[in-house]
Amino acid sequence: PLALLASTLLAQRSLYEHVAAVAEGLEKDGLHG
């Protein structure tokens, strides 16, 4: 339970997903994406 609580204070997965979305936006929809 401590690790589950502590994991909410980290952002490895969400940071990767948000930055990868920028690469995907550029690749699929160009500058607008």
PDB file of all heavy atoms in Angstrom:
ATOM      1  N   PRO A   1       0.811  -1.221   0.000  1.00  0.00           N
ATOM      2  CA  PRO A   1       0.000   0.000   0.000  1.00  0.00           C
ATOM      3  C   PRO A   1       0.843   1.269   0.000  1.00  0.00           C
ATOM      4  O   PRO A   1       0.464   2.268  -0.618  1.00  0.00           O
ATOM      5  CB  PRO A   1      -0.846  -0.119   1.267  1.00  0.00           C
ATOM      6  CG  PRO A   1      -0.132  -1.101   2.134  1.00  0.00           C
ATOM      7  CD  PRO A   1       0.531  -2.051   1.193  1.00  0.00           C
ATOM      8  N   LEU A   2       1.988   1.228   0.667  1.00  0.00           N
ATOM      9  CA  LEU A   2       2.870   2.390   0.660  1.00  0.00           C
ATOM     10  C   LEU A   2       3.396   2.669  -0.742  1.00  0.00           C
ATOM     11  O   LEU A   2       3.447   3.823  -1.181  1.00  0.00           O
ATOM     12  CB  LEU A   2       4.054   2.165   1.611  1.00  0.00           C
ATOM     13  CG  LEU A   2       3.838   2.529   3.077  1.00  0.00           C
ATOM     14  CD1 LEU A   2       5.016   2.062   3.917  1.00  0.00           C
ATOM     15  CD2 LEU A   2       3.628   4.029   3.237  1.00  0.00           C
ATOM     16  N   ALA A   3       3.781   1.615  -1.457  1.00  0.00           N
ATOM     17  CA  ALA A   3       4.306   1.793  -2.815  1.00  0.00           C
ATOM     18  C   ALA A   3       3.217   2.292  -3.755  1.00  0.00           C
ATOM     19  O   ALA A   3       3.484   3.116  -4.641  1.00  0.00           O
ATOM     20  CB  ALA A   3       4.887   0.475  -3.327  1.00  0.00           C
ATOM     21  N   LEU A   4       1.991   1.810  -3.582  1.00  0.00           N
ATOM     22  CA  LEU A   4       0.884   2.299  -4.400  1.00  0.00           C
ATOM     23  C   LEU A   4       0.662   3.792  -4.171  1.00  0.00           C
ATOM     24  O   LEU A   4       0.454   4.558  -5.123  1.00  0.00           O
ATOM     25  CB  LEU A   4      -0.389   1.518  -4.083  1.00  0.00           C
ATOM     26  CG  LEU A   4      -0.459   0.095  -4.649  1.00  0.00           C
ATOM     27  CD1 LEU A   4      -1.614  -0.674  -4.029  1.00  0.00           C
ATOM     28  CD2 LEU A   4      -0.587   0.123  -6.166  1.00  0.00           C
ATOM     29  N   LEU A   5       0.703   4.218  -2.915  1.00  0.00           N
ATOM     30  CA  LEU A   5       0.552   5.638  -2.606  1.00  0.00           C
ATOM     31  C   LEU A   5       1.718   6.442  -3.177  1.00  0.00           C
ATOM     32  O   LEU A   5       1.522   7.488  -3.804  1.00  0.00           O
ATOM     33  CB  LEU A   5       0.477   5.836  -1.091  1.00  0.00           C
ATOM     34  CG  LEU A   5      -0.817   5.407  -0.410  1.00  0.00           C
ATOM     35  CD1 LEU A   5      -0.651   5.452   1.101  1.00  0.00           C
ATOM     36  CD2 LEU A   5      -1.970   6.303  -0.835  1.00  0.00           C
ATOM     37  N   ALA A   6       2.930   5.955  -2.964  1.00  0.00           N
ATOM     38  CA  ALA A   6       4.110   6.687  -3.424  1.00  0.00           C
ATOM     39  C   ALA A   6       4.163   6.779  -4.943  1.00  0.00           C
ATOM     40  O   ALA A   6       4.651   7.771  -5.503  1.00  0.00           O
ATOM     41  CB  ALA A   6       5.378   6.012  -2.895  1.00  0.00           C
ATOM     42  N   SER A   7       3.639   5.773  -5.634  1.00  0.00           N
ATOM     43  CA  SER A   7       3.677   5.780  -7.098  1.00  0.00           C
ATOM     44  C   SER A   7       2.881   6.941  -7.681  1.00  0.00           C
ATOM     45  O   SER A   7       3.158   7.387  -8.795  1.00  0.00           O
ATOM     46  CB  SER A   7       3.147   4.448  -7.649  1.00  0.00           C
ATOM     47  OG  SER A   7       1.736   4.340  -7.481  1.00  0.00           O
ATOM     48  N   THR A   8       1.888   7.435  -6.941  1.00  0.00           N
ATOM     49  CA  THR A   8       1.086   8.557  -7.443  1.00  0.00           C
ATOM     50  C   THR A   8       1.873   9.859  -7.474  1.00  0.00           C
ATOM     51  O   THR A   8       1.434  10.831  -8.096  1.00  0.00           O
ATOM     52  CB  THR A   8      -0.173   8.759  -6.577  1.00  0.00           C
ATOM     53  OG1 THR A   8       0.198   9.220  -5.265  1.00  0.00           O
ATOM     54  CG2 THR A   8      -0.963   7.471  -6.446  1.00  0.00           C
ATOM     55  N   LEU A   9       3.023   9.880  -6.816  1.00  0.00           N
ATOM     56  CA  LEU A   9       3.840  11.091  -6.757  1.00  0.00           C
ATOM     57  C   LEU A   9       4.937  11.093  -7.812  1.00  0.00           C
ATOM     58  O   LEU A   9       5.747  12.021  -7.867  1.00  0.00           O
ATOM     59  CB  LEU A   9       4.455  11.233  -5.352  1.00  0.00           C
ATOM     60  CG  LEU A   9       3.436  11.236  -4.207  1.00  0.00           C
ATOM     61  CD1 LEU A   9       4.155  11.239  -2.869  1.00  0.00           C
ATOM     62  CD2 LEU A   9       2.490  12.422  -4.318  1.00  0.00           C
ATOM     63  N   LEU A  10       4.963  10.051  -8.642  1.00  0.00           N
ATOM     64  CA  LEU A  10       5.932   9.932  -9.730  1.00  0.00           C
ATOM     65  C   LEU A  10       5.194  10.037 -11.067  1.00  0.00           C
ATOM     66  O   LEU A  10       3.987   9.859 -11.127  1.00  0.00           O
ATOM     67  CB  LEU A  10       6.675   8.599  -9.637  1.00  0.00           C
ATOM     68  CG  LEU A  10       7.423   8.348  -8.317  1.00  0.00           C
ATOM     69  CD1 LEU A  10       7.818   6.881  -8.200  1.00  0.00           C
ATOM     70  CD2 LEU A  10       8.644   9.240  -8.209  1.00  0.00           C
ATOM     71  N   ALA A  11       5.937  10.317 -12.139  1.00  0.00           N
ATOM     72  CA  ALA A  11       5.258  10.565 -13.426  1.00  0.00           C
ATOM     73  C   ALA A  11       6.030  10.000 -14.614  1.00  0.00           C
ATOM     74  O   ALA A  11       6.032  10.584 -15.691  1.00  0.00           O
ATOM     75  CB  ALA A  11       5.028  12.053 -13.611  1.00  0.00           C
ATOM     76  N   GLN A  12       6.683   8.843 -14.438  1.00  0.00           N
ATOM     77  CA  GLN A  12       7.448   8.273 -15.554  1.00  0.00           C
ATOM     78  C   GLN A  12       6.567   8.004 -16.765  1.00  0.00           C
ATOM     79  O   GLN A  12       6.877   8.400 -17.887  1.00  0.00           O
ATOM     80  CB  GLN A  12       8.077   6.939 -15.127  1.00  0.00           C
ATOM     81  CG  GLN A  12       9.046   7.001 -13.984  1.00  0.00           C
ATOM     82  CD  GLN A  12       9.352   5.600 -13.469  1.00  0.00           C
ATOM     83  OE1 GLN A  12      10.418   5.058 -13.696  1.00  0.00           O
ATOM     84  NE2 GLN A  12       8.407   5.000 -12.755  1.00  0.00           N
ATOM     85  N   ARG A  13       5.459   7.316 -16.532  1.00  0.00           N
ATOM     86  CA  ARG A  13       4.604   6.862 -17.627  1.00  0.00           C
ATOM     87  C   ARG A  13       3.895   8.038 -18.308  1.00  0.00           C
ATOM     88  O   ARG A  13       3.886   8.147 -19.532  1.00  0.00           O
ATOM     89  CB  ARG A  13       3.575   5.861 -17.093  1.00  0.00           C
ATOM     90  CG  ARG A  13       2.747   5.181 -18.165  1.00  0.00           C
ATOM     91  CD  ARG A  13       1.703   4.260 -17.538  1.00  0.00           C
ATOM     92  NE  ARG A  13       0.947   3.542 -18.540  1.00  0.00           N
ATOM     93  CZ  ARG A  13       1.217   2.322 -18.951  1.00  0.00           C
ATOM     94  NH1 ARG A  13       2.252   1.672 -18.440  1.00  0.00           N
ATOM     95  NH2 ARG A  13       0.476   1.726 -19.874  1.00  0.00           N
ATOM     96  N   SER A  14       3.302   8.919 -17.513  1.00  0.00           N
ATOM     97  CA  SER A  14       2.542  10.027 -18.104  1.00  0.00           C
ATOM     98  C   SER A  14       3.453  10.992 -18.848  1.00  0.00           C
ATOM     99  O   SER A  14       3.074  11.521 -19.903  1.00  0.00           O
ATOM    100  CB  SER A  14       1.748  10.771 -17.025  1.00  0.00           C
ATOM    101  OG  SER A  14       2.612  11.349 -16.066  1.00  0.00           O
ATOM    102  N   LEU A  15       4.659  11.222 -18.347  1.00  0.00           N
ATOM    103  CA  LEU A  15       5.585  12.102 -19.053  1.00  0.00           C
ATOM    104  C   LEU A  15       5.936  11.511 -20.410  1.00  0.00           C
ATOM    105  O   LEU A  15       5.928  12.219 -21.434  1.00  0.00           O
ATOM    106  CB  LEU A  15       6.846  12.323 -18.219  1.00  0.00           C
ATOM    107  CG  LEU A  15       7.930  13.188 -18.869  1.00  0.00           C
ATOM    108  CD1 LEU A  15       7.405  14.571 -19.232  1.00  0.00           C
ATOM    109  CD2 LEU A  15       9.156  13.297 -17.955  1.00  0.00           C
ATOM    110  N   TYR A  16       6.236  10.227 -20.442  1.00  0.00           N
ATOM    111  CA  TYR A  16       6.558   9.578 -21.718  1.00  0.00           C
ATOM    112  C   TYR A  16       5.391   9.715 -22.694  1.00  0.00           C
ATOM    113  O   TYR A  16       5.588  10.064 -23.869  1.00  0.00           O
ATOM    114  CB  TYR A  16       6.877   8.096 -21.488  1.00  0.00           C
ATOM    115  CG  TYR A  16       7.266   7.371 -22.753  1.00  0.00           C
ATOM    116  CD1 TYR A  16       8.596   7.276 -23.129  1.00  0.00           C
ATOM    117  CD2 TYR A  16       6.297   6.805 -23.577  1.00  0.00           C
ATOM    118  CE1 TYR A  16       8.959   6.631 -24.303  1.00  0.00           C
ATOM    119  CE2 TYR A  16       6.645   6.162 -24.749  1.00  0.00           C
ATOM    120  CZ  TYR A  16       7.977   6.075 -25.109  1.00  0.00           C
ATOM    121  OH  TYR A  16       8.322   5.449 -26.284  1.00  0.00           O
ATOM    122  N   GLU A  17       4.186   9.441 -22.226  1.00  0.00           N
ATOM    123  CA  GLU A  17       3.017   9.475 -23.105  1.00  0.00           C
ATOM    124  C   GLU A  17       2.754  10.867 -23.662  1.00  0.00           C
ATOM    125  O   GLU A  17       2.427  11.021 -24.843  1.00  0.00           O
ATOM    126  CB  GLU A  17       1.798   8.951 -22.344  1.00  0.00           C
ATOM    127  CG  GLU A  17       1.857   7.457 -22.053  1.00  0.00           C
ATOM    128  CD  GLU A  17       0.753   6.982 -21.138  1.00  0.00           C
ATOM    129  OE1 GLU A  17       0.070   7.850 -20.528  1.00  0.00           O
ATOM    130  OE2 GLU A  17       0.555   5.750 -21.020  1.00  0.00           O
ATOM    131  N   HIS A  18       2.884  11.895 -22.827  1.00  0.00           N
ATOM    132  CA  HIS A  18       2.611  13.259 -23.287  1.00  0.00           C
ATOM    133  C   HIS A  18       3.652  13.730 -24.305  1.00  0.00           C
ATOM    134  O   HIS A  18       3.306  14.408 -25.278  1.00  0.00           O
ATOM    135  CB  HIS A  18       2.581  14.222 -22.093  1.00  0.00           C
ATOM    136  CG  HIS A  18       1.278  14.221 -21.361  1.00  0.00           C
ATOM    137  ND1 HIS A  18       1.048  13.408 -20.271  1.00  0.00           N
ATOM    138  CD2 HIS A  18       0.140  14.917 -21.569  1.00  0.00           C
ATOM    139  CE1 HIS A  18      -0.186  13.610 -19.835  1.00  0.00           C
ATOM    140  NE2 HIS A  18      -0.756  14.515 -20.599  1.00  0.00           N
ATOM    141  N   VAL A  19       4.906  13.379 -24.079  1.00  0.00           N
ATOM    142  CA  VAL A  19       5.949  13.804 -25.018  1.00  0.00           C
ATOM    143  C   VAL A  19       5.862  12.989 -26.306  1.00  0.00           C
ATOM    144  O   VAL A  19       6.025  13.530 -27.404  1.00  0.00           O
ATOM    145  CB  VAL A  19       7.337  13.693 -24.365  1.00  0.00           C
ATOM    146  CG1 VAL A  19       8.435  14.013 -25.383  1.00  0.00           C
ATOM    147  CG2 VAL A  19       7.437  14.643 -23.171  1.00  0.00           C
ATOM    148  N   ALA A  20       5.590  11.704 -26.191  1.00  0.00           N
ATOM    149  CA  ALA A  20       5.433  10.873 -27.386  1.00  0.00           C
ATOM    150  C   ALA A  20       4.273  11.357 -28.246  1.00  0.00           C
ATOM    151  O   ALA A  20       4.312  11.246 -29.480  1.00  0.00           O
ATOM    152  CB  ALA A  20       5.214   9.413 -26.988  1.00  0.00           C
ATOM    153  N   ALA A  21       3.244  11.933 -27.602  1.00  0.00           N
ATOM    154  CA  ALA A  21       2.100  12.451 -28.354  1.00  0.00           C
ATOM    155  C   ALA A  21       2.501  13.609 -29.251  1.00  0.00           C
ATOM    156  O   ALA A  21       1.903  13.813 -30.315  1.00  0.00           O
ATOM    157  CB  ALA A  21       1.002  12.889 -27.389  1.00  0.00           C
ATOM    158  N   VAL A  22       3.509  14.371 -28.851  1.00  0.00           N
ATOM    159  CA  VAL A  22       3.986  15.479 -29.687  1.00  0.00           C
ATOM    160  C   VAL A  22       4.664  14.926 -30.938  1.00  0.00           C
ATOM    161  O   VAL A  22       4.414  15.400 -32.055  1.00  0.00           O
ATOM    162  CB  VAL A  22       4.947  16.389 -28.908  1.00  0.00           C
ATOM    163  CG1 VAL A  22       5.406  17.552 -29.795  1.00  0.00           C
ATOM    164  CG2 VAL A  22       4.285  16.920 -27.640  1.00  0.00           C
ATOM    165  N   ALA A  23       5.504  13.915 -30.771  1.00  0.00           N
ATOM    166  CA  ALA A  23       6.151  13.288 -31.933  1.00  0.00           C
ATOM    167  C   ALA A  23       5.099  12.700 -32.861  1.00  0.00           C
ATOM    168  O   ALA A  23       5.164  12.869 -34.092  1.00  0.00           O
ATOM    169  CB  ALA A  23       7.117  12.207 -31.465  1.00  0.00           C
ATOM    170  N   GLU A  24       4.115  12.035 -32.280  1.00  0.00           N
ATOM    171  CA  GLU A  24       3.056  11.434 -33.097  1.00  0.00           C
ATOM    172  C   GLU A  24       2.241  12.507 -33.818  1.00  0.00           C
ATOM    173  O   GLU A  24       1.875  12.344 -34.982  1.00  0.00           O
ATOM    174  CB  GLU A  24       2.145  10.590 -32.210  1.00  0.00           C
ATOM    175  CG  GLU A  24       1.086   9.823 -32.974  1.00  0.00           C
ATOM    176  CD  GLU A  24       0.269   8.908 -32.082  1.00  0.00           C
ATOM    177  OE1 GLU A  24       0.667   8.716 -30.912  1.00  0.00           O
ATOM    178  OE2 GLU A  24      -0.762   8.393 -32.549  1.00  0.00           O
ATOM    179  N   GLY A  25       1.977  13.625 -33.121  1.00  0.00           N
ATOM    180  CA  GLY A  25       1.234  14.712 -33.752  1.00  0.00           C
ATOM    181  C   GLY A  25       1.973  15.289 -34.944  1.00  0.00           C
ATOM    182  O   GLY A  25       1.370  15.546 -35.991  1.00  0.00           O
ATOM    183  N   LEU A  26       3.281  15.491 -34.797  1.00  0.00           N
ATOM    184  CA  LEU A  26       4.075  16.004 -35.910  1.00  0.00           C
ATOM    185  C   LEU A  26       4.118  15.017 -37.072  1.00  0.00           C
ATOM    186  O   LEU A  26       4.034  15.401 -38.236  1.00  0.00           O
ATOM    187  CB  LEU A  26       5.494  16.308 -35.432  1.00  0.00           C
ATOM    188  CG  LEU A  26       5.683  17.555 -34.560  1.00  0.00           C
ATOM    189  CD1 LEU A  26       7.103  17.602 -34.005  1.00  0.00           C
ATOM    190  CD2 LEU A  26       5.389  18.828 -35.356  1.00  0.00           C
ATOM    191  N   GLU A  27       4.259  13.740 -36.744  1.00  0.00           N
ATOM    192  CA  GLU A  27       4.381  12.717 -37.787  1.00  0.00           C
ATOM    193  C   GLU A  27       3.072  12.516 -38.556  1.00  0.00           C
ATOM    194  O   GLU A  27       3.083  12.318 -39.771  1.00  0.00           O
ATOM    195  CB  GLU A  27       4.807  11.393 -37.139  1.00  0.00           C
ATOM    196  CG  GLU A  27       6.237  11.412 -36.614  1.00  0.00           C
ATOM    197  CD  GLU A  27       6.517  10.297 -35.624  1.00  0.00           C
ATOM    198  OE1 GLU A  27       5.562   9.617 -35.187  1.00  0.00           O
ATOM    199  OE2 GLU A  27       7.692  10.095 -35.266  1.00  0.00           O
ATOM    200  N   LYS A  28       1.945  12.587 -37.856  1.00  0.00           N
ATOM    201  CA  LYS A  28       0.655  12.300 -38.489  1.00  0.00           C
ATOM    202  C   LYS A  28      -0.034  13.534 -39.053  1.00  0.00           C
ATOM    203  O   LYS A  28      -0.625  13.489 -40.134  1.00  0.00           O
ATOM    204  CB  LYS A  28      -0.267  11.606 -37.485  1.00  0.00           C
ATOM    205  CG  LYS A  28       0.143  10.188 -37.145  1.00  0.00           C
ATOM    206  CD  LYS A  28      -0.902   9.517 -36.274  1.00  0.00           C
ATOM    207  CE  LYS A  28      -0.561   8.048 -36.025  1.00  0.00           C
ATOM    208  NZ  LYS A  28      -1.604   7.385 -35.184  1.00  0.00           N
ATOM    209  N   ASP A  29       0.004  14.651 -38.296  1.00  0.00           N
ATOM    210  CA  ASP A  29      -0.770  15.841 -38.672  1.00  0.00           C
ATOM    211  C   ASP A  29       0.087  17.080 -38.894  1.00  0.00           C
ATOM    212  O   ASP A  29      -0.444  18.191 -38.949  1.00  0.00           O
ATOM    213  CB  ASP A  29      -1.831  16.129 -37.611  1.00  0.00           C
ATOM    214  CG  ASP A  29      -2.792  14.961 -37.427  1.00  0.00           C
ATOM    215  OD1 ASP A  29      -3.256  14.440 -38.455  1.00  0.00           O
ATOM    216  OD2 ASP A  29      -3.058  14.579 -36.276  1.00  0.00           O
ATOM    217  N   GLY A  30       1.391  16.909 -38.964  1.00  0.00           N
ATOM    218  CA  GLY A  30       2.257  18.035 -39.249  1.00  0.00           C
ATOM    219  C   GLY A  30       2.295  19.059 -38.133  1.00  0.00           C
ATOM    220  O   GLY A  30       2.086  18.738 -36.949  1.00  0.00           O
ATOM    221  N   LEU A  31       2.533  20.308 -38.494  1.00  0.00           N
ATOM    222  CA  LEU A  31       2.710  21.372 -37.518  1.00  0.00           C
ATOM    223  C   LEU A  31       1.475  21.551 -36.637  1.00  0.00           C
ATOM    224  O   LEU A  31       1.586  21.752 -35.425  1.00  0.00           O
ATOM    225  CB  LEU A  31       3.058  22.683 -38.232  1.00  0.00           C
ATOM    226  CG  LEU A  31       3.313  23.897 -37.332  1.00  0.00           C
ATOM    227  CD1 LEU A  31       4.420  23.621 -36.330  1.00  0.00           C
ATOM    228  CD2 LEU A  31       3.663  25.112 -38.198  1.00  0.00           C
ATOM    229  N   HIS A  32       0.289  21.488 -37.244  1.00  0.00           N
ATOM    230  CA  HIS A  32      -0.942  21.659 -36.461  1.00  0.00           C
ATOM    231  C   HIS A  32      -1.048  20.606 -35.366  1.00  0.00           C
ATOM    232  O   HIS A  32      -1.367  20.921 -34.204  1.00  0.00           O
ATOM    233  CB  HIS A  32      -2.165  21.585 -37.378  1.00  0.00           C
ATOM    234  CG  HIS A  32      -3.472  21.588 -36.631  1.00  0.00           C
ATOM    235  ND1 HIS A  32      -3.981  22.727 -36.037  1.00  0.00           N
ATOM    236  CD2 HIS A  32      -4.360  20.579 -36.367  1.00  0.00           C
ATOM    237  CE1 HIS A  32      -5.137  22.431 -35.451  1.00  0.00           C
ATOM    238  NE2 HIS A  32      -5.375  21.148 -35.627  1.00  0.00           N
ATOM    239  N   GLY A  33      -0.783  19.351 -35.712  1.00  0.00           N
ATOM    240  CA  GLY A  33      -0.850  18.271 -34.729  1.00  0.00           C
ATOM    241  C   GLY A  33       0.197  18.421 -33.640  1.00  0.00           C
ATOM    242  O   GLY A  33      -0.070  18.159 -32.462  1.00  0.00           O
TER     243      GLY A  33
END
